[in-house]
Amino acid sequence: METRQTAILLVNTSTTNSTAPVSLAGRDAKFAGQILD
């Protein structure tokens, strides 16, 4: 799970044009990760 979040963060920092959808995906990933845990 941590690797997925790190990848999302890397994508988020590398793409400044689409930070909104990426950050939303990051929130979903964290939320799903908390539920799975």
Foldseek 3Di string as FASTA:
>chain_A
DVVVLVVLVVVLVVDVPPNPVSVVVSVVVVVVVVVVD
